[in-house]
């Protein structure tokens, strides 16, 4: 067996493994979940920036700061769940 045959066998095994893994992780709902994750990420970023602005502009409004901040974190947790469950 020469080096070219070994390389060909390895390349086929890698391609086969990649195709099996792709089927395992992508169940066909990828586009819808990806869109939802994108929207949730944007909402998280907007909420995070809003919380930082509230913190510096309205320092006496701690309740509002924590509400917006924890709301942004909750959105990120939902996105995190979608990333690993679907």
Protein backbone atom coordinates (compact mmCIF):
# COMPACT_ATOMS: atom_id res chain seq x y z
CA UNK A 1 0.00 0.00 0.00
CA UNK A 2 1.51 3.31 -1.03
CA UNK A 3 1.09 6.81 0.37
CA UNK A 4 -1.54 7.85 -2.20
CA UNK A 5 -3.85 4.96 -1.30
CA UNK A 6 -3.50 5.73 2.41
CA UNK A 7 -4.29 9.42 1.80
CA UNK A 8 -7.34 8.46 -0.26
CA UNK A 9 -8.65 6.16 2.50
CA UNK A 10 -8.14 8.87 5.12
CA UNK A 11 -9.89 11.50 2.96
CA UNK A 12 -12.87 9.20 2.43
CA UNK A 13 -13.11 8.47 6.17
CA UNK A 14 -12.99 12.18 7.03
CA UNK A 15 -15.66 13.04 4.43
CA UNK A 16 -17.88 10.22 5.70
CA UNK A 17 -17.46 11.38 9.31
CA UNK A 18 -18.32 14.98 8.39
CA UNK A 19 -21.49 13.95 6.58
CA UNK A 20 -22.63 11.83 9.54
CA UNK A 21 -21.98 14.65 12.00
CA UNK A 22 -23.84 17.17 9.84
CA UNK A 23 -26.92 14.96 9.82
CA UNK A 24 -26.64 14.48 13.56
CA UNK A 25 -26.56 18.17 14.46
CA UNK A 26 -28.85 19.67 11.81
CA UNK A 27 -32.43 18.48 11.98
CA UNK A 28 -33.91 20.64 9.23
CA UNK A 29 -35.14 23.49 11.42
CA UNK A 30 -31.83 25.29 11.16
CA UNK A 31 -33.08 28.35 9.30
CA UNK A 32 -35.90 29.12 11.72
CA UNK A 33 -33.74 28.58 14.78
CA UNK A 34 -30.91 30.63 13.28
CA UNK A 35 -33.29 33.53 12.61
CA UNK A 36 -34.68 33.35 16.15
CA UNK A 37 -31.16 33.26 17.59
CA UNK A 38 -30.13 36.26 15.50
CA UNK A 39 -33.13 38.27 16.67
CA UNK A 40 -32.53 37.30 20.30
CA UNK A 41 -28.86 38.25 20.02
CA UNK A 42 -29.76 41.68 18.64
CA UNK A 43 -32.33 42.22 21.39
CA UNK A 44 -29.74 41.19 23.98
CA UNK A 45 -27.20 43.66 22.60
CA UNK A 46 -29.75 46.47 22.54
CA UNK A 47 -30.80 45.65 26.11
CA UNK A 48 -27.19 45.53 27.26
CA UNK A 49 -26.39 48.92 25.74
CA UNK A 50 -29.60 50.36 27.19
CA UNK A 51 -28.66 49.06 30.66
CA UNK A 52 -25.21 50.65 30.43
CA UNK A 53 -26.71 53.96 29.31
CA UNK A 54 -29.23 53.87 32.15
CA UNK A 55 -26.46 53.12 34.63
CA UNK A 56 -24.48 56.23 33.70
CA UNK A 57 -27.27 58.64 32.73
CA UNK A 58 -29.74 57.84 35.51
CA UNK A 59 -27.62 56.64 38.44
CA UNK A 60 -30.53 56.96 40.88
CA UNK A 61 -32.67 54.54 38.85
CA UNK A 62 -31.08 51.28 40.05
CA UNK A 63 -34.33 49.33 39.75
CA UNK A 64 -34.67 50.27 36.08
CA UNK A 65 -31.02 49.40 35.46
CA UNK A 66 -31.39 45.97 37.05
CA UNK A 67 -34.68 45.31 35.28
CA UNK A 68 -33.27 46.09 31.85
CA UNK A 69 -30.02 44.26 32.60
CA UNK A 70 -31.66 41.10 33.88
CA UNK A 71 -34.12 41.22 30.97
CA UNK A 72 -31.19 41.26 28.55
CA UNK A 73 -29.58 38.35 30.38
CA UNK A 74 -32.85 36.40 30.20
CA UNK A 75 -32.91 36.90 26.41
CA UNK A 76 -29.33 35.64 26.20
CA UNK A 77 -30.25 32.54 28.22
CA UNK A 78 -33.10 31.78 25.82
CA UNK A 79 -30.70 32.15 22.88
CA UNK A 80 -28.19 29.89 24.65
CA UNK A 81 -30.91 27.26 25.12
CA UNK A 82 -31.84 27.42 21.42
CA UNK A 83 -28.22 27.08 20.39
CA UNK A 84 -27.70 23.77 22.16
CA UNK A 85 -31.16 22.21 22.06
CA UNK A 86 -32.12 22.66 18.40
